Amino acid sequence: MSKFIASIAQIYNFIRYDIWRVAEDELSRSRRFMYRLLKTLVLAVRGFINDDLNVRASALTYSILFAIVPLFALIIAIGKGFGVDKIIENSLQDTFISQSDMIPTVMGFVDRYLKSTQGGIFIGVGIAILFWSVMNFFMQVERAFNRIWQVKESRSFIRQFSTYFSAILIVPLVIVFSGGLSIYVSSAVKQSYVYDVLSPLLRFGVKFIPYFINWIVFTILYIAMPNTRVKFCNALMAGIIAGSAFQAFQMLYINGQVYLSRYNVVYGSFAAVPLLLLWIQISCLIVLLGAEISYASQNINNFDFELDTNNISTRYKNFLTLFLTYVIVKQFEEQKPPLSTEQIVLKYKLPIRIVNEILLKLVKVSVLTEVLSGKKGKLKTYQPAIDINQLTVSLLFSKLEIYGSELFLTNKNELLDTFWQKTLDIKQRSEEHTEQILVKDI
């Protein structure tokens, strides 16, 4: 029993501490992949808990319920313009097959909604409400994704409008194209002499197609929705995981409705409503968890040495601050190109989080300055903001020490004021007896 407990403790310590202290260049390719996958899962689960995804999924559930009729109405209205509205209705019913009881009701609402906007003074108000409902839904989704990605600003309203409604305009075309393509391929293959040979493969393909479509849709969602640059490989990994989970949940939900029949006894025909809410909320959780996975996989290096950097001592942080200043000053003195954060991290094998934090602080206290370099002028690099022949070690730490609010308790306490002056005198005497060493001469 003691060995089992020791093994559990060892696994916990590995996941909690050791795995974050291993540099990727020390690992083989296969082990590096496994480490990155484990780190991504740990960070995604942590983000799931810390970001209160249950609460955000509940908020999105409300937004979806409010927007589902206007959204379907807008998609079908666009489809009517191309004369393919019936194809789109059938496709939407096939997509939401797990809600077979509710979709006819929703489609009835959509039909009445479209009819009510076609005449009288209501047309202007109805269209305004339709557009506002759809925009509000997409804005809520973007806001949820931005919080996960720690993005402070959303897109401008013009960019939101153009992005969202471009996507909505494309949806009917994609539905018609995919439906027509599948019909053409199946009919062409059935007329082929290799149909009997390919039929098992085709049956597998038919079962696989929903997963493939979900992967594409979720990947596009994770790239397009956050107001930041998401790499394709990270969005694809999240899209595959979340898309597969979503499709598996669909099948589980359909097959499990037999066991949920007791809701019909309690709620009667109203039973479809709580089941719909449950389905939407779990679906939203899957979507948001995928967003956590894409964020974690793209920013995984930011969490190396996380616990150590969060608990770093003042002395060691001062050492790293002096070292980074020295590196940038020497680069400037030797007339070499300025370094970016990523270049410093790779060259000196430092954790990117603490490097970012220190460089940001040095820029704020005007010891360093940011310079845009590179071919397109988008690479953020750093150079000294002070003459390197005047930048001493004591000046550096003095600027760091005095940055921020001071003397806001003046005249509040006589003993406090006296002690403050004594502290300044002690510091001045200490600096007078300290050799003024230039950072570049260390």
Protein backbone atom coordinates (compact mmCIF):
# COMPACT_ATOMS: atom_id res chain seq x y z
CA MET A 1 0.00 0.00 0.00
CA SER A 2 2.84 2.36 0.87
CA LYS A 3 4.46 1.66 -2.53
CA PHE A 4 1.18 2.49 -4.28
CA ILE A 5 0.87 5.78 -2.37
CA ALA A 6 4.51 6.58 -3.14
CA SER A 7 3.87 5.90 -6.86
CA ILE A 8 0.81 8.18 -6.87
CA ALA A 9 2.83 10.90 -5.11
CA GLN A 10 5.62 10.50 -7.65
CA ILE A 11 3.19 10.81 -10.59
CA TYR A 12 1.59 13.88 -8.97
CA ASN A 13 4.96 15.56 -8.44
CA PHE A 14 5.95 14.78 -12.03
CA ILE A 15 2.78 16.33 -13.46
CA ARG A 16 2.77 19.22 -10.99
CA TYR A 17 6.47 20.18 -10.99
CA ASP A 18 9.00 18.09 -12.94
CA ILE A 19 7.39 18.09 -16.39
CA TRP A 20 7.44 21.92 -16.46
CA ARG A 21 11.20 22.00 -15.72
CA VAL A 22 12.25 19.86 -18.69
CA ALA A 23 13.51 21.73 -21.76
CA GLU A 24 12.12 20.34 -25.01
CA ASP A 25 15.53 20.21 -26.69
CA GLU A 26 16.58 17.66 -24.05
CA LEU A 27 13.94 15.16 -25.23
CA SER A 28 13.60 12.80 -28.16
CA ARG A 29 10.92 13.57 -30.74
CA SER A 30 8.47 10.93 -29.47
CA ARG A 31 8.93 11.90 -25.82
CA ARG A 32 8.64 15.58 -26.71
CA PHE A 33 5.27 14.87 -28.36
CA MET A 34 4.03 12.95 -25.31
CA TYR A 35 5.21 15.68 -22.92
CA ARG A 36 3.52 18.40 -24.96
CA LEU A 37 0.29 16.40 -25.15
CA LEU A 38 0.28 15.81 -21.38
CA LYS A 39 1.04 19.48 -20.68
CA THR A 40 -1.76 20.57 -23.03
CA LEU A 41 -4.30 18.32 -21.32
CA VAL A 42 -3.22 19.49 -17.86
CA LEU A 43 -3.48 23.15 -18.89
CA ALA A 44 -6.84 22.60 -20.60
CA VAL A 45 -8.30 20.93 -17.50
CA ARG A 46 -6.88 23.71 -15.32
CA GLY A 47 -8.35 26.34 -17.64
CA PHE A 48 -11.68 24.50 -17.60
CA ILE A 49 -11.75 24.89 -13.81
CA ASN A 50 -10.20 28.35 -13.43
CA ASP A 51 -12.18 29.99 -16.26
CA ASP A 52 -15.56 28.77 -14.92
CA LEU A 53 -16.53 27.21 -18.23
CA ASN A 54 -19.76 25.90 -16.72
CA VAL A 55 -20.90 29.49 -16.12
CA ARG A 56 -19.83 30.61 -19.60
CA ALA A 57 -21.55 27.62 -21.20
CA SER A 58 -24.75 28.58 -19.35
CA ALA A 59 -24.50 32.15 -20.68
CA LEU A 60 -23.96 30.86 -24.22
CA THR A 61 -26.94 28.50 -23.81
CA TYR A 62 -29.17 31.52 -23.14
CA SER A 63 -27.71 33.37 -26.14
CA ILE A 64 -28.27 30.36 -28.41
CA LEU A 65 -31.88 29.97 -27.31
CA PHE A 66 -32.49 33.65 -28.00
CA ALA A 67 -30.73 33.59 -31.38
CA ILE A 68 -31.56 30.14 -32.77
CA VAL A 69 -34.78 31.17 -34.56
CA PRO A 70 -33.35 34.42 -36.08
CA LEU A 71 -30.15 32.55 -37.03
CA PHE A 72 -31.99 29.73 -38.78
CA ALA A 73 -34.31 32.31 -40.36
CA LEU A 74 -31.39 34.26 -41.76
CA ILE A 75 -29.70 31.13 -43.16
CA ILE A 76 -32.94 29.89 -44.77
CA ALA A 77 -33.73 33.38 -46.11
CA ILE A 78 -30.34 33.45 -47.82
CA GLY A 79 -31.03 29.94 -49.12
CA LYS A 80 -34.35 31.13 -50.58
CA GLY A 81 -32.44 33.73 -52.54
CA PHE A 82 -30.58 30.85 -54.23
CA GLY A 83 -33.70 28.65 -54.44
CA VAL A 84 -32.24 25.97 -52.17
CA ASP A 85 -34.12 26.65 -48.92
CA LYS A 86 -35.64 23.13 -48.78
CA ILE A 87 -32.21 21.53 -49.10
CA ILE A 88 -30.95 23.72 -46.26
CA GLU A 89 -33.94 22.87 -44.04
CA ASN A 90 -33.35 19.14 -44.57
CA SER A 91 -29.63 19.57 -43.89
CA LEU A 92 -30.29 21.45 -40.64
CA GLN A 93 -32.70 18.72 -39.52
CA ASP A 94 -30.07 16.07 -40.30
CA THR A 95 -27.41 18.07 -38.43
CA PHE A 96 -29.56 18.39 -35.32
CA ILE A 97 -30.92 14.86 -35.52
CA SER A 98 -30.54 14.44 -31.77
CA GLN A 99 -33.23 17.14 -31.39
CA SER A 100 -35.67 15.53 -33.80
CA ASP A 101 -38.61 16.41 -31.53
CA MET A 102 -37.74 20.10 -31.29
CA ILE A 103 -36.49 20.91 -34.80
CA PRO A 104 -39.97 20.82 -36.46
CA THR A 105 -41.20 23.24 -33.78
CA VAL A 106 -38.19 25.51 -34.33
CA MET A 107 -38.73 25.36 -38.10
CA GLY A 108 -42.35 26.36 -37.54
CA PHE A 109 -41.13 29.38 -35.56
CA VAL A 110 -38.69 30.19 -38.37
CA ASP A 111 -41.43 30.02 -41.01
CA ARG A 112 -43.72 32.32 -39.03
CA TYR A 113 -40.80 34.64 -38.26
CA LEU A 114 -40.00 35.03 -41.97
CA LYS A 115 -43.65 35.62 -42.87
CA SER A 116 -44.03 38.27 -40.16
CA THR A 117 -41.11 40.27 -41.57
CA GLN A 118 -42.47 40.41 -45.12
CA GLY A 119 -45.13 43.03 -44.79
CA GLY A 120 -46.23 46.19 -43.05
CA ILE A 121 -44.25 48.42 -40.78
CA PHE A 122 -42.91 45.36 -38.93
CA ILE A 123 -40.47 44.61 -41.73
CA GLY A 124 -37.94 47.22 -40.57
CA VAL A 125 -38.25 46.33 -36.88
CA GLY A 126 -38.22 42.60 -37.62
CA ILE A 127 -35.04 42.77 -39.71
CA ALA A 128 -33.37 44.98 -37.09
CA ILE A 129 -34.24 42.49 -34.33
CA LEU A 130 -33.05 39.61 -36.52
CA PHE A 131 -29.67 41.19 -37.19
CA TRP A 132 -29.23 42.30 -33.59
CA SER A 133 -30.04 38.80 -32.25
CA VAL A 134 -27.52 37.15 -34.55
CA MET A 135 -24.84 39.78 -33.87
CA ASN A 136 -25.36 39.53 -30.12
CA PHE A 137 -24.94 35.75 -30.25
CA PHE A 138 -21.66 35.93 -32.18
CA MET A 139 -20.39 38.72 -29.92
CA GLN A 140 -21.06 36.55 -26.87
CA VAL A 141 -19.15 33.66 -28.46
CA GLU A 142 -16.21 35.92 -29.35
CA ARG A 143 -16.18 37.38 -25.84
CA ALA A 144 -16.01 33.87 -24.33
CA PHE A 145 -13.16 32.90 -26.65
CA ASN A 146 -11.27 36.13 -25.97
CA ARG A 147 -11.45 35.51 -22.22
CA ILE A 148 -9.95 32.05 -22.71
CA TRP A 149 -7.20 33.51 -24.91
CA GLN A 150 -6.71 36.42 -22.44
CA VAL A 151 -7.41 38.95 -25.21
CA LYS A 152 -8.50 42.28 -23.75
CA GLU A 153 -10.09 43.89 -26.82
CA SER A 154 -12.76 42.57 -29.18
CA ARG A 155 -12.95 43.34 -32.87
CA SER A 156 -14.45 46.63 -33.95
CA PHE A 157 -18.17 46.52 -34.72
CA ILE A 158 -17.50 46.88 -38.47
CA ARG A 159 -15.10 43.92 -38.45
CA GLN A 160 -17.53 41.87 -36.38
CA PHE A 161 -20.40 42.62 -38.76
CA SER A 162 -18.39 41.81 -41.89
CA THR A 163 -16.84 38.64 -40.43
CA TYR A 164 -20.00 37.14 -38.95
CA PHE A 165 -22.32 37.82 -41.85
CA SER A 166 -19.74 36.71 -44.40
CA ALA A 167 -19.69 33.39 -42.55
CA ILE A 168 -23.51 33.21 -42.49
CA LEU A 169 -23.63 33.96 -46.24
CA ILE A 170 -21.19 31.13 -46.94
CA VAL A 171 -23.02 28.54 -44.80
CA PRO A 172 -25.94 27.92 -47.24
CA LEU A 173 -23.51 27.58 -50.15
CA VAL A 174 -21.37 25.08 -48.23
CA ILE A 175 -24.46 23.06 -47.25
CA VAL A 176 -25.68 22.87 -50.86
CA PHE A 177 -22.21 22.12 -52.21
CA SER A 178 -21.48 19.34 -49.71
CA GLY A 179 -24.95 17.82 -50.19
CA GLY A 180 -24.70 17.93 -53.98
CA LEU A 181 -21.16 16.55 -53.95
CA SER A 182 -22.11 13.59 -51.75
CA ILE A 183 -25.12 12.77 -53.96
CA TYR A 184 -22.99 12.99 -57.12
CA VAL A 185 -20.20 10.81 -55.69
CA SER A 186 -22.59 8.15 -54.36
CA SER A 187 -24.53 7.94 -57.65
CA ALA A 188 -21.32 7.85 -59.70
CA VAL A 189 -19.82 5.11 -57.55
CA LYS A 190 -23.02 3.00 -57.64
CA GLN A 191 -22.85 2.97 -61.42
CA SER A 192 -19.22 1.89 -61.28
CA TYR A 193 -18.18 -1.76 -61.57
CA VAL A 194 -16.04 -1.44 -58.40
CA TYR A 195 -19.10 -0.67 -56.23
CA ASP A 196 -19.08 -4.09 -54.56
CA VAL A 197 -15.40 -3.77 -53.75
CA LEU A 198 -15.74 -0.24 -52.41
CA SER A 199 -19.02 -0.68 -50.52
CA PRO A 200 -17.40 -1.55 -47.12
CA LEU A 201 -15.07 1.42 -47.54
CA LEU A 202 -18.01 3.63 -48.52
CA ARG A 203 -19.99 2.56 -45.48
CA PHE A 204 -17.04 3.50 -43.30
CA GLY A 205 -16.76 6.80 -45.19
CA VAL A 206 -20.40 7.60 -44.61
CA LYS A 207 -19.92 7.07 -40.87
CA PHE A 208 -16.68 9.08 -40.93
CA ILE A 209 -18.02 12.09 -42.87
CA PRO A 210 -19.81 13.70 -39.87
CA TYR A 211 -16.58 13.57 -37.88
CA PHE A 212 -14.62 15.09 -40.77
CA ILE A 213 -17.15 17.91 -41.20
CA ASN A 214 -17.07 18.62 -37.47
CA TRP A 215 -13.26 18.78 -37.56
CA ILE A 216 -13.39 21.37 -40.34
CA VAL A 217 -16.12 23.46 -38.69
CA PHE A 218 -14.50 23.43 -35.25
CA THR A 219 -11.04 24.21 -36.68
CA ILE A 220 -12.43 27.24 -38.55
CA LEU A 221 -14.27 28.30 -35.39
CA TYR A 222 -11.09 28.21 -33.28
CA ILE A 223 -9.16 30.19 -35.89
CA ALA A 224 -11.80 32.81 -36.67
CA MET A 225 -13.50 33.60 -33.35
CA PRO A 226 -10.68 34.80 -31.01
CA ASN A 227 -9.42 38.30 -31.76
CA THR A 228 -5.85 37.07 -31.99
CA ARG A 229 -3.70 34.96 -34.31
CA VAL A 230 -4.32 31.25 -33.79
CA LYS A 231 -1.95 28.86 -35.54
CA PHE A 232 -3.59 26.32 -37.82
CA CYS A 233 -1.93 23.27 -36.25
CA ASN A 234 -3.15 24.24 -32.76
CA ALA A 235 -6.67 24.97 -34.00
CA LEU A 236 -6.68 21.68 -35.95
CA MET A 237 -5.69 19.64 -32.90
CA ALA A 238 -8.44 21.29 -30.83
CA GLY A 239 -10.88 20.90 -33.74
CA ILE A 240 -10.22 17.16 -34.01
CA ILE A 241 -10.62 16.58 -30.26
CA ALA A 242 -13.68 18.82 -29.80
CA GLY A 243 -15.29 17.76 -33.10
CA SER A 244 -14.93 14.08 -32.25
CA ALA A 245 -16.25 14.67 -28.72
CA PHE A 246 -19.21 16.61 -30.12
CA GLN A 247 -20.12 13.86 -32.60
CA ALA A 248 -19.70 11.15 -29.96
CA PHE A 249 -21.94 13.13 -27.62
CA GLN A 250 -24.53 13.41 -30.40
CA MET A 251 -24.60 9.63 -30.82
CA LEU A 252 -24.64 9.06 -27.06
CA TYR A 253 -27.49 11.51 -26.67
CA ILE A 254 -29.56 9.87 -29.43
CA ASN A 255 -29.02 6.37 -28.06
CA GLY A 256 -29.58 7.53 -24.49
CA GLN A 257 -32.96 9.10 -25.10
CA VAL A 258 -34.54 5.73 -24.41
CA TYR A 259 -33.26 6.00 -20.83
CA LEU A 260 -34.44 9.61 -20.58
CA SER A 261 -38.03 8.66 -21.28
CA ARG A 262 -38.90 9.21 -17.60
CA TYR A 263 -38.78 12.96 -18.34
CA ASN A 264 -41.81 12.40 -20.57
CA VAL A 265 -43.68 11.02 -17.58
CA VAL A 266 -42.88 14.13 -15.50
CA TYR A 267 -42.97 16.88 -18.14
CA GLY A 268 -45.10 15.35 -20.89
CA SER A 269 -44.61 17.10 -24.25
CA PHE A 270 -42.62 19.80 -22.42
CA ALA A 271 -39.84 17.23 -21.79
CA ALA A 272 -38.05 18.27 -24.99
CA VAL A 273 -37.24 21.69 -23.46
CA PRO A 274 -35.03 20.59 -20.50
CA LEU A 275 -33.41 17.98 -22.75
CA LEU A 276 -32.68 20.69 -25.32
CA LEU A 277 -31.13 22.88 -22.62
CA LEU A 278 -28.98 19.97 -21.44
CA TRP A 279 -27.85 19.21 -24.97
CA ILE A 280 -26.98 22.86 -25.74
CA GLN A 281 -25.06 23.37 -22.49
CA ILE A 282 -22.95 20.22 -22.87
CA SER A 283 -22.31 21.12 -26.52
CA CYS A 284 -21.15 24.59 -25.42
CA LEU A 285 -18.85 23.00 -22.82
CA ILE A 286 -17.28 20.85 -25.54
CA VAL A 287 -16.76 23.92 -27.77
CA LEU A 288 -15.19 25.95 -24.94
CA LEU A 289 -12.99 23.05 -23.85
CA GLY A 290 -11.68 22.90 -27.43
CA ALA A 291 -10.86 26.61 -27.18
CA GLU A 292 -8.93 25.88 -23.97
CA ILE A 293 -7.00 23.13 -25.78
CA SER A 294 -6.09 25.41 -28.69
CA TYR A 295 -4.93 28.13 -26.28
CA ALA A 296 -2.93 25.70 -24.14
CA SER A 297 -1.22 24.02 -27.11
CA GLN A 298 -0.20 27.35 -28.67
CA ASN A 299 1.02 28.92 -25.42
CA ILE A 300 2.46 25.84 -23.76
CA ASN A 301 5.97 27.31 -23.52
CA ASN A 302 4.63 30.19 -21.43
CA PHE A 303 3.99 27.76 -18.60
CA ASP A 304 7.50 26.28 -18.35
CA PHE A 305 8.91 26.77 -14.82
CA GLU A 306 5.53 28.30 -13.93
CA LEU A 307 5.54 27.35 -10.24
CA ASP A 308 9.17 28.41 -9.88
CA THR A 309 8.61 31.80 -11.52
CA ASN A 310 5.49 32.41 -9.43
CA ASN A 311 7.51 31.78 -6.27
CA ILE A 312 10.77 33.37 -7.41
CA SER A 313 12.85 35.06 -4.73
CA THR A 314 13.59 38.78 -4.89
CA ARG A 315 17.33 38.07 -5.08
CA TYR A 316 17.03 35.68 -8.03
CA LYS A 317 14.64 37.96 -9.87
CA ASN A 318 17.10 40.84 -9.42
CA PHE A 319 19.83 38.59 -10.79
CA LEU A 320 17.78 37.76 -13.90
CA THR A 321 16.88 41.43 -14.34
CA LEU A 322 20.55 42.41 -14.28
CA PHE A 323 21.44 39.56 -16.63
CA LEU A 324 18.81 40.51 -19.23
CA THR A 325 19.85 44.17 -19.07
CA TYR A 326 23.49 43.11 -19.51
CA VAL A 327 22.65 40.94 -22.55
CA ILE A 328 20.75 43.76 -24.29
CA VAL A 329 23.40 46.37 -23.43
CA LYS A 330 26.24 44.17 -24.76
CA GLN A 331 24.26 43.48 -27.93
CA PHE A 332 23.94 47.25 -28.43
CA GLU A 333 27.59 47.93 -27.56
CA GLU A 334 28.80 45.35 -30.08
CA GLN A 335 26.49 46.89 -32.73
CA LYS A 336 24.58 43.66 -33.23
CA PRO A 337 20.87 43.49 -34.16
CA PRO A 338 18.56 43.93 -31.15
CA LEU A 339 17.10 40.77 -29.64
CA SER A 340 13.46 39.79 -29.29
CA THR A 341 11.97 37.93 -26.35
CA GLU A 342 11.89 34.66 -28.29
CA GLN A 343 15.54 35.01 -29.34
CA ILE A 344 16.63 35.62 -25.74
CA VAL A 345 14.61 32.65 -24.53
CA LEU A 346 16.06 30.29 -27.14
CA LYS A 347 19.63 31.51 -26.82
CA TYR A 348 19.88 31.44 -23.01
CA LYS A 349 17.24 28.74 -22.28
CA LEU A 350 15.14 30.96 -20.02
CA PRO A 351 11.41 30.64 -19.21
CA ILE A 352 9.50 32.99 -21.50
CA ARG A 353 7.01 34.08 -18.82
CA ILE A 354 9.62 35.57 -16.45
CA VAL A 355 11.55 37.09 -19.40
CA ASN A 356 8.39 38.83 -20.64
CA GLU A 357 7.61 40.09 -17.15
CA ILE A 358 11.12 41.48 -16.56
CA LEU A 359 11.44 43.11 -20.00
CA LEU A 360 8.03 44.76 -19.61
CA LYS A 361 9.09 46.19 -16.26
CA LEU A 362 12.42 47.45 -17.67
CA VAL A 363 10.52 49.23 -20.46
CA LYS A 364 8.14 50.81 -17.94
CA VAL A 365 11.02 52.21 -15.86
CA SER A 366 12.71 53.54 -19.05
CA VAL A 367 15.81 51.37 -18.83
CA LEU A 368 14.94 49.64 -22.11
CA THR A 369 12.87 50.67 -25.10
CA GLU A 370 10.92 48.59 -27.58
CA VAL A 371 12.02 48.66 -31.22
CA LEU A 372 10.13 47.11 -34.13
CA SER A 373 12.53 45.15 -36.34
CA GLY A 374 12.41 42.40 -38.93
CA LYS A 375 11.46 42.39 -42.61
CA LYS A 376 7.89 43.58 -42.05
CA GLY A 377 8.70 45.70 -39.02
CA LYS A 378 6.52 43.57 -36.73
CA LEU A 379 9.20 41.89 -34.58
CA LYS A 380 9.34 43.51 -31.13
CA THR A 381 12.98 43.82 -29.98
CA TYR A 382 14.73 45.69 -27.14
CA GLN A 383 17.50 48.27 -26.89
CA PRO A 384 18.87 50.43 -24.03
CA ALA A 385 16.87 53.59 -23.34
CA ILE A 386 19.79 55.12 -21.36
CA ASP A 387 23.33 55.91 -22.44
CA ILE A 388 25.19 52.67 -21.69
CA ASN A 389 28.14 54.71 -20.39
CA GLN A 390 25.88 56.08 -17.64
CA LEU A 391 23.82 52.99 -16.89
CA THR A 392 25.26 51.70 -13.64
CA VAL A 393 24.04 48.76 -11.59
CA SER A 394 22.89 51.09 -8.80
CA LEU A 395 20.99 53.30 -11.29
CA LEU A 396 19.26 50.24 -12.72
CA PHE A 397 18.04 48.98 -9.36
CA SER A 398 17.22 52.51 -8.18
CA LYS A 399 14.85 52.96 -11.13
CA LEU A 400 13.22 49.61 -10.40
CA GLU A 401 12.96 50.40 -6.71
CA ILE A 402 11.30 53.81 -7.04
CA TYR A 403 8.82 52.80 -9.76
CA GLY A 404 5.27 53.03 -8.45
CA SER A 405 3.42 55.00 -5.76
CA GLU A 406 5.34 56.50 -2.83
CA LEU A 407 4.76 58.93 0.00
CA PHE A 408 0.99 58.50 -0.09
CA LEU A 409 1.12 58.15 3.73
CA THR A 410 3.04 61.41 4.29
CA ASN A 411 1.99 63.40 7.38
CA LYS A 412 -0.15 60.49 8.55
CA ASN A 413 2.30 59.33 11.18
CA GLU A 414 5.33 61.18 12.56
CA LEU A 415 7.22 57.98 13.37
CA LEU A 416 6.55 56.69 9.84
CA ASP A 417 7.95 59.88 8.25
CA THR A 418 11.03 59.84 10.46
CA PHE A 419 11.71 56.19 9.70
CA TRP A 420 11.33 56.85 5.94
CA GLN A 421 14.01 59.55 6.09
CA LYS A 422 16.34 57.29 8.08
CA THR A 423 15.87 54.56 5.47
CA LEU A 424 16.82 56.97 2.69
CA ASP A 425 19.93 58.07 4.61
CA ILE A 426 21.03 54.48 5.15
CA LYS A 427 20.54 53.70 1.48
CA GLN A 428 22.48 56.80 0.41
CA ARG A 429 25.42 55.98 2.69
CA SER A 430 25.42 52.41 1.38
CA GLU A 431 25.52 53.61 -2.23
CA GLU A 432 28.33 56.08 -1.49
CA HIS A 433 30.54 53.22 -0.36
CA THR A 434 29.59 51.03 -3.31
CA GLU A 435 31.67 51.13 -6.48
CA GLN A 436 29.64 52.55 -9.38
CA ILE A 437 29.91 49.65 -11.82
CA LEU A 438 28.53 50.09 -15.34
CA VAL A 439 26.28 47.28 -16.50
CA LYS A 440 28.33 46.82 -19.67
CA ASP A 441 31.48 46.29 -17.61
CA ILE A 442 30.22 43.41 -15.47
